[in-house]
Amino acid sequence: MKAAYKGACLAAVCLCACNPQPARTPAGVRTAAPSPTPLPPLLIRGRGTATQPVSMVHQAGNRRDYELRAASTESRSAQNLAQAKFQQVTVTFFDKDGTRLTASSPAASTDQRGRRVTLSGGVHATTSTGLNLVCDRLTYDQQTALLHGEGHVRITGLQGGQQEVLTGSTFTSDVKLTQMVIE
């Protein structure tokens, strides 16, 4: 029986030796946490049809800020970055009072980090109040709810029963095109 007890003790010692414990870090010594592996960028492509275009709605609180419709899209997304490009685009921007500005262009892009929508390649826009806008490039800043246009800016509309035309190289305005600086 004593031999069996000694054999069991010897087996227990051997088993402990076969299961080494991880080395312990001395007190007061810090080890670096492993850095997370960055996620690879995600690429998404989409095509709409004439009756069902690619569609995206951006909301600010409980109201629509803008609605974008396009023939096609390509979106790249990585950590803290989301950008999308669109082809054959129509974007409707909504003012708080319900006034709309609908703009069309051959191309557009959205930048989630910069909170901007940019239409390019020749922009044609009309407000729900009847003002018309033409420019090369139009950017909407979601934080300020302001439009900024560049290149061959031309705004037309009726003022006191007469056709008025404003021209310049740049402009900044609200969606209604009423609070405007044109240069």
Foldseek 3Di string as FASTA:
>chain_A
DVVVVVVVVVVVVVVCVVDDDDDDDDPPDDDDDDDDDWDDKDKDKDAADPVGFDKDWDDDPPHTQKIKGAGMKIWIDTVLWIKMKGAFMWMWGADPVGKIKIKTAGMWMAIPNQQKIKGADKMWIAIPVGKIWIAGMWMARPVVQKIKGAHFIWIWDDDPNDIDIDTAGMKMGHRRRPPMDGD
